[in-house]
Amino acid sequence: MGGSPLGGVIVYPLDRLYEEIAYIAHHWHWSYDQIMQMDHSERRGWVDQIADIYARLKPATEEQ
């Protein structure tokens, strides 16, 4: 038991998927196919890594 009372499949919002694809492709220049071969958790991990890198770099660029 323990399933959703409505049943069905939970779908990741398409606009969020496109946002993740664009973000990774823009920053690391990976192709659409490379990014789409990742499962959701792997893709989110890369998004988080990119965000962390740019958060660490941001203070250095703001001082200039």
PDB file of N, CA and C in Angstrom:
ATOM      1  N   MET A   1       0.846  -1.166   0.000  1.00  0.00           N
ATOM      2  CA  MET A   1       0.000   0.000   0.000  1.00  0.00           C
ATOM      3  C   MET A   1       0.898   1.238   0.000  1.00  0.00           C
ATOM      4  N   GLY A   2       0.561   2.270   0.737  1.00  0.00           N
ATOM      5  CA  GLY A   2       1.424   3.431   0.852  1.00  0.00           C
ATOM      6  C   GLY A   2       1.535   4.280  -0.399  1.00  0.00           C
ATOM      7  N   GLY A   3       0.808   3.955  -1.459  1.00  0.00           N
ATOM      8  CA  GLY A   3       0.887   4.736  -2.683  1.00  0.00           C
ATOM      9  C   GLY A   3       0.049   5.993  -2.600  1.00  0.00           C
ATOM     10  N   SER A   4       0.119   6.766  -3.633  1.00  0.00           N
ATOM     11  CA  SER A   4      -0.664   7.984  -3.721  1.00  0.00           C
ATOM     12  C   SER A   4      -2.144   7.632  -3.813  1.00  0.00           C
ATOM     13  N   PRO A   5      -3.009   8.354  -3.117  1.00  0.00           N
ATOM     14  CA  PRO A   5      -4.431   8.044  -3.187  1.00  0.00           C
ATOM     15  C   PRO A   5      -5.011   8.270  -4.576  1.00  0.00           C
ATOM     16  N   LEU A   6      -4.376   9.100  -5.374  1.00  0.00           N
ATOM     17  CA  LEU A   6      -4.863   9.351  -6.726  1.00  0.00           C
ATOM     18  C   LEU A   6      -4.293   8.379  -7.735  1.00  0.00           C
ATOM     19  N   GLY A   7      -3.219   7.688  -7.380  1.00  0.00           N
ATOM     20  CA  GLY A   7      -2.577   6.752  -8.305  1.00  0.00           C
ATOM     21  C   GLY A   7      -1.823   7.492  -9.391  1.00  0.00           C
ATOM     22  N   GLY A   8      -1.323   6.757 -10.358  1.00  0.00           N
ATOM     23  CA  GLY A   8      -0.629   7.363 -11.481  1.00  0.00           C
ATOM     24  C   GLY A   8       0.850   7.587 -11.216  1.00  0.00           C
ATOM     25  N   VAL A   9       1.467   8.275 -12.128  1.00  0.00           N
ATOM     26  CA  VAL A   9       2.905   8.527 -12.090  1.00  0.00           C
ATOM     27  C   VAL A   9       3.145   9.997 -11.779  1.00  0.00           C
ATOM     28  N   ILE A  10       4.104  10.249 -10.905  1.00  0.00           N
ATOM     29  CA  ILE A  10       4.490  11.634 -10.624  1.00  0.00           C
ATOM     30  C   ILE A  10       5.464  12.058 -11.708  1.00  0.00           C
ATOM     31  N   VAL A  11       5.164  13.156 -12.371  1.00  0.00           N
ATOM     32  CA  VAL A  11       5.969  13.630 -13.492  1.00  0.00           C
ATOM     33  C   VAL A  11       6.720  14.885 -13.071  1.00  0.00           C
ATOM     34  N   TYR A  12       7.993  14.943 -13.434  1.00  0.00           N
ATOM     35  CA  TYR A  12       8.796  16.128 -13.178  1.00  0.00           C
ATOM     36  C   TYR A  12       8.326  17.234 -14.110  1.00  0.00           C
ATOM     37  N   PRO A  13       8.105  18.439 -13.607  1.00  0.00           N
ATOM     38  CA  PRO A  13       7.590  19.526 -14.452  1.00  0.00           C
ATOM     39  C   PRO A  13       8.501  19.795 -15.653  1.00  0.00           C
ATOM     40  N   LEU A  14       7.902  19.865 -16.807  1.00  0.00           N
ATOM     41  CA  LEU A  14       8.646  20.034 -18.055  1.00  0.00           C
ATOM     42  C   LEU A  14       9.444  21.332 -18.069  1.00  0.00           C
ATOM     43  N   ASP A  15       8.881  22.410 -17.527  1.00  0.00           N
ATOM     44  CA  ASP A  15       9.619  23.677 -17.515  1.00  0.00           C
ATOM     45  C   ASP A  15      10.882  23.578 -16.663  1.00  0.00           C
ATOM     46  N   ARG A  16      10.847  22.829 -15.559  1.00  0.00           N
ATOM     47  CA  ARG A  16      12.034  22.631 -14.728  1.00  0.00           C
ATOM     48  C   ARG A  16      13.070  21.793 -15.467  1.00  0.00           C
ATOM     49  N   LEU A  17      12.621  20.769 -16.183  1.00  0.00           N
ATOM     50  CA  LEU A  17      13.528  19.933 -16.963  1.00  0.00           C
ATOM     51  C   LEU A  17      14.264  20.777 -17.995  1.00  0.00           C
ATOM     52  N   TYR A  18      13.536  21.604 -18.726  1.00  0.00           N
ATOM     53  CA  TYR A  18      14.156  22.475 -19.730  1.00  0.00           C
ATOM     54  C   TYR A  18      15.135  23.451 -19.086  1.00  0.00           C
ATOM     55  N   GLU A  19      14.774  23.957 -17.910  1.00  0.00           N
ATOM     56  CA  GLU A  19      15.650  24.882 -17.206  1.00  0.00           C
ATOM     57  C   GLU A  19      16.971  24.192 -16.833  1.00  0.00           C
ATOM     58  N   GLU A  20      16.888  22.969 -16.326  1.00  0.00           N
ATOM     59  CA  GLU A  20      18.095  22.220 -15.968  1.00  0.00           C
ATOM     60  C   GLU A  20      18.959  21.938 -17.184  1.00  0.00           C
ATOM     61  N   ILE A  21      18.327  21.532 -18.284  1.00  0.00           N
ATOM     62  CA  ILE A  21      19.066  21.242 -19.512  1.00  0.00           C
ATOM     63  C   ILE A  21      19.788  22.493 -19.999  1.00  0.00           C
ATOM     64  N   ALA A  22      19.083  23.614 -20.045  1.00  0.00           N
ATOM     65  CA  ALA A  22      19.685  24.866 -20.521  1.00  0.00           C
ATOM     66  C   ALA A  22      20.828  25.299 -19.620  1.00  0.00           C
ATOM     67  N   TYR A  23      20.652  25.157 -18.321  1.00  0.00           N
ATOM     68  CA  TYR A  23      21.661  25.586 -17.350  1.00  0.00           C
ATOM     69  C   TYR A  23      22.947  24.791 -17.519  1.00  0.00           C
ATOM     70  N   ILE A  24      22.822  23.473 -17.597  1.00  0.00           N
ATOM     71  CA  ILE A  24      24.002  22.614 -17.755  1.00  0.00           C
ATOM     72  C   ILE A  24      24.649  22.840 -19.118  1.00  0.00           C
ATOM     73  N   ALA A  25      23.842  22.884 -20.171  1.00  0.00           N
ATOM     74  CA  ALA A  25      24.376  23.069 -21.516  1.00  0.00           C
ATOM     75  C   ALA A  25      25.095  24.418 -21.637  1.00  0.00           C
ATOM     76  N   HIS A  26      24.526  25.451 -21.058  1.00  0.00           N
ATOM     77  CA  HIS A  26      25.128  26.782 -21.134  1.00  0.00           C
ATOM     78  C   HIS A  26      26.476  26.832 -20.417  1.00  0.00           C
ATOM     79  N   HIS A  27      26.526  26.278 -19.229  1.00  0.00           N
ATOM     80  CA  HIS A  27      27.742  26.394 -18.423  1.00  0.00           C
ATOM     81  C   HIS A  27      28.827  25.392 -18.799  1.00  0.00           C
ATOM     82  N   TRP A  28      28.449  24.179 -19.187  1.00  0.00           N
ATOM     83  CA  TRP A  28      29.466  23.155 -19.453  1.00  0.00           C
ATOM     84  C   TRP A  28      29.489  22.700 -20.909  1.00  0.00           C
ATOM     85  N   HIS A  29      28.598  23.257 -21.717  1.00  0.00           N
ATOM     86  CA  HIS A  29      28.593  22.988 -23.163  1.00  0.00           C
ATOM     87  C   HIS A  29      28.373  21.505 -23.493  1.00  0.00           C
ATOM     88  N   TRP A  30      27.608  20.832 -22.658  1.00  0.00           N
ATOM     89  CA  TRP A  30      27.252  19.449 -22.960  1.00  0.00           C
ATOM     90  C   TRP A  30      26.052  19.451 -23.880  1.00  0.00           C
ATOM     91  N   SER A  31      25.925  18.429 -24.696  1.00  0.00           N
ATOM     92  CA  SER A  31      24.826  18.355 -25.656  1.00  0.00           C
ATOM     93  C   SER A  31      23.516  17.955 -24.966  1.00  0.00           C
ATOM     94  N   TYR A  32      22.437  18.231 -25.641  1.00  0.00           N
ATOM     95  CA  TYR A  32      21.109  17.841 -25.174  1.00  0.00           C
ATOM     96  C   TYR A  32      21.058  16.341 -24.908  1.00  0.00           C
ATOM     97  N   ASP A  33      21.581  15.568 -25.844  1.00  0.00           N
ATOM     98  CA  ASP A  33      21.553  14.107 -25.689  1.00  0.00           C
ATOM     99  C   ASP A  33      22.346  13.648 -24.470  1.00  0.00           C
ATOM    100  N   GLN A  34      23.510  14.242 -24.230  1.00  0.00           N
ATOM    101  CA  GLN A  34      24.306  13.871 -23.060  1.00  0.00           C
ATOM    102  C   GLN A  34      23.544  14.163 -21.775  1.00  0.00           C
ATOM    103  N   ILE A  35      22.898  15.293 -21.715  1.00  0.00           N
ATOM    104  CA  ILE A  35      22.186  15.693 -20.508  1.00  0.00           C
ATOM    105  C   ILE A  35      20.938  14.832 -20.313  1.00  0.00           C
ATOM    106  N   MET A  36      20.221  14.542 -21.383  1.00  0.00           N
ATOM    107  CA  MET A  36      18.996  13.759 -21.280  1.00  0.00           C
ATOM    108  C   MET A  36      19.262  12.293 -20.927  1.00  0.00           C
ATOM    109  N   GLN A  37      20.472  11.814 -21.139  1.00  0.00           N
ATOM    110  CA  GLN A  37      20.799  10.440 -20.762  1.00  0.00           C
ATOM    111  C   GLN A  37      20.958  10.289 -19.252  1.00  0.00           C
ATOM    112  N   MET A  38      21.086  11.401 -18.551  1.00  0.00           N
ATOM    113  CA  MET A  38      21.217  11.366 -17.093  1.00  0.00           C
ATOM    114  C   MET A  38      19.842  11.146 -16.464  1.00  0.00           C
ATOM    115  N   ASP A  39      19.831  10.466 -15.314  1.00  0.00           N
ATOM    116  CA  ASP A  39      18.573  10.406 -14.581  1.00  0.00           C
ATOM    117  C   ASP A  39      18.416  11.706 -13.799  1.00  0.00           C
ATOM    118  N   HIS A  40      17.246  11.880 -13.236  1.00  0.00           N
ATOM    119  CA  HIS A  40      16.924  13.145 -12.568  1.00  0.00           C
ATOM    120  C   HIS A  40      17.925  13.496 -11.468  1.00  0.00           C
ATOM    121  N   SER A  41      18.251  12.550 -10.612  1.00  0.00           N
ATOM    122  CA  SER A  41      19.139  12.866  -9.490  1.00  0.00           C
ATOM    123  C   SER A  41      20.545  13.237  -9.956  1.00  0.00           C
ATOM    124  N   GLU A  42      21.028  12.604 -11.016  1.00  0.00           N
ATOM    125  CA  GLU A  42      22.352  12.955 -11.543  1.00  0.00           C
ATOM    126  C   GLU A  42      22.333  14.357 -12.137  1.00  0.00           C
ATOM    127  N   ARG A  43      21.289  14.664 -12.905  1.00  0.00           N
ATOM    128  CA  ARG A  43      21.179  15.987 -13.518  1.00  0.00           C
ATOM    129  C   ARG A  43      21.078  17.064 -12.443  1.00  0.00           C
ATOM    130  N   ARG A  44      20.284  16.838 -11.397  1.00  0.00           N
ATOM    131  CA  ARG A  44      20.173  17.797 -10.305  1.00  0.00           C
ATOM    132  C   ARG A  44      21.508  17.960  -9.590  1.00  0.00           C
ATOM    133  N   GLY A  45      22.261  16.871  -9.481  1.00  0.00           N
ATOM    134  CA  GLY A  45      23.584  16.959  -8.869  1.00  0.00           C
ATOM    135  C   GLY A  45      24.503  17.878  -9.640  1.00  0.00           C
ATOM    136  N   TRP A  46      24.480  17.789 -10.968  1.00  0.00           N
ATOM    137  CA  TRP A  46      25.312  18.672 -11.786  1.00  0.00           C
ATOM    138  C   TRP A  46      24.851  20.118 -11.689  1.00  0.00           C
ATOM    139  N   VAL A  47      23.549  20.339 -11.657  1.00  0.00           N
ATOM    140  CA  VAL A  47      23.025  21.694 -11.482  1.00  0.00           C
ATOM    141  C   VAL A  47      23.529  22.272 -10.161  1.00  0.00           C
ATOM    142  N   ASP A  48      23.461  21.488  -9.105  1.00  0.00           N
ATOM    143  CA  ASP A  48      23.935  21.944  -7.797  1.00  0.00           C
ATOM    144  C   ASP A  48      25.434  22.230  -7.813  1.00  0.00           C
ATOM    145  N   GLN A  49      26.214  21.388  -8.482  1.00  0.00           N
ATOM    146  CA  GLN A  49      27.658  21.608  -8.562  1.00  0.00           C
ATOM    147  C   GLN A  49      27.983  22.915  -9.286  1.00  0.00           C
ATOM    148  N   ILE A  50      27.310  23.161 -10.403  1.00  0.00           N
ATOM    149  CA  ILE A  50      27.535  24.397 -11.157  1.00  0.00           C
ATOM    150  C   ILE A  50      27.177  25.602 -10.296  1.00  0.00           C
ATOM    151  N   ALA A  51      26.036  25.534  -9.618  1.00  0.00           N
ATOM    152  CA  ALA A  51      25.606  26.640  -8.755  1.00  0.00           C
ATOM    153  C   ALA A  51      26.623  26.894  -7.648  1.00  0.00           C
ATOM    154  N   ASP A  52      27.151  25.826  -7.063  1.00  0.00           N
ATOM    155  CA  ASP A  52      28.160  25.976  -6.007  1.00  0.00           C
ATOM    156  C   ASP A  52      29.430  26.644  -6.525  1.00  0.00           C
ATOM    157  N   ILE A  53      29.872  26.227  -7.697  1.00  0.00           N
ATOM    158  CA  ILE A  53      31.076  26.816  -8.297  1.00  0.00           C
ATOM    159  C   ILE A  53      30.882  28.309  -8.514  1.00  0.00           C
ATOM    160  N   TYR A  54      29.754  28.693  -9.103  1.00  0.00           N
ATOM    161  CA  TYR A  54      29.518  30.106  -9.383  1.00  0.00           C
ATOM    162  C   TYR A  54      29.275  30.910  -8.119  1.00  0.00           C
ATOM    163  N   ALA A  55      28.708  30.297  -7.085  1.00  0.00           N
ATOM    164  CA  ALA A  55      28.531  31.001  -5.809  1.00  0.00           C
ATOM    165  C   ALA A  55      29.880  31.304  -5.182  1.00  0.00           C
ATOM    166  N   ARG A  56      30.837  30.376  -5.305  1.00  0.00           N
ATOM    167  CA  ARG A  56      32.176  30.610  -4.761  1.00  0.00           C
ATOM    168  C   ARG A  56      32.928  31.658  -5.567  1.00  0.00           C
ATOM    169  N   LEU A  57      32.696  31.720  -6.867  1.00  0.00           N
ATOM    170  CA  LEU A  57      33.382  32.688  -7.724  1.00  0.00           C
ATOM    171  C   LEU A  57      32.779  34.078  -7.634  1.00  0.00           C
ATOM    172  N   LYS A  58      31.509  34.179  -7.323  1.00  0.00           N
ATOM    173  CA  LYS A  58      30.808  35.461  -7.333  1.00  0.00           C
ATOM    174  C   LYS A  58      31.444  36.510  -6.427  1.00  0.00           C
ATOM    175  N   PRO A  59      31.776  36.208  -5.178  1.00  0.00           N
ATOM    176  CA  PRO A  59      32.385  37.252  -4.348  1.00  0.00           C
ATOM    177  C   PRO A  59      33.683  37.806  -4.942  1.00  0.00           C
ATOM    178  N   ALA A  60      34.478  36.962  -5.573  1.00  0.00           N
ATOM    179  CA  ALA A  60      35.726  37.430  -6.169  1.00  0.00           C
ATOM    180  C   ALA A  60      35.473  38.380  -7.333  1.00  0.00           C
ATOM    181  N   THR A  61      34.459  38.129  -8.115  1.00  0.00           N
ATOM    182  CA  THR A  61      34.164  38.994  -9.263  1.00  0.00           C
ATOM    183  C   THR A  61      33.478  40.276  -8.829  1.00  0.00           C
ATOM    184  N   GLU A  62      32.739  40.272  -7.709  1.00  0.00           N
ATOM    185  CA  GLU A  62      32.067  41.480  -7.253  1.00  0.00           C
ATOM    186  C   GLU A  62      33.027  42.512  -6.687  1.00  0.00           C
ATOM    187  N   GLU A  63      34.193  42.076  -6.212  1.00  0.00           N
ATOM    188  CA  GLU A  63      35.177  42.991  -5.635  1.00  0.00           C
ATOM    189  C   GLU A  63      35.908  43.798  -6.681  1.00  0.00           C
ATOM    190  N   GLN A  64      35.888  43.353  -7.915  1.00  0.00           N
ATOM    191  CA  GLN A  64      36.659  44.027  -8.961  1.00  0.00           C
ATOM    192  C   GLN A  64      35.965  45.246  -9.489  1.00  0.00           C
TER     193      GLN A  64
END
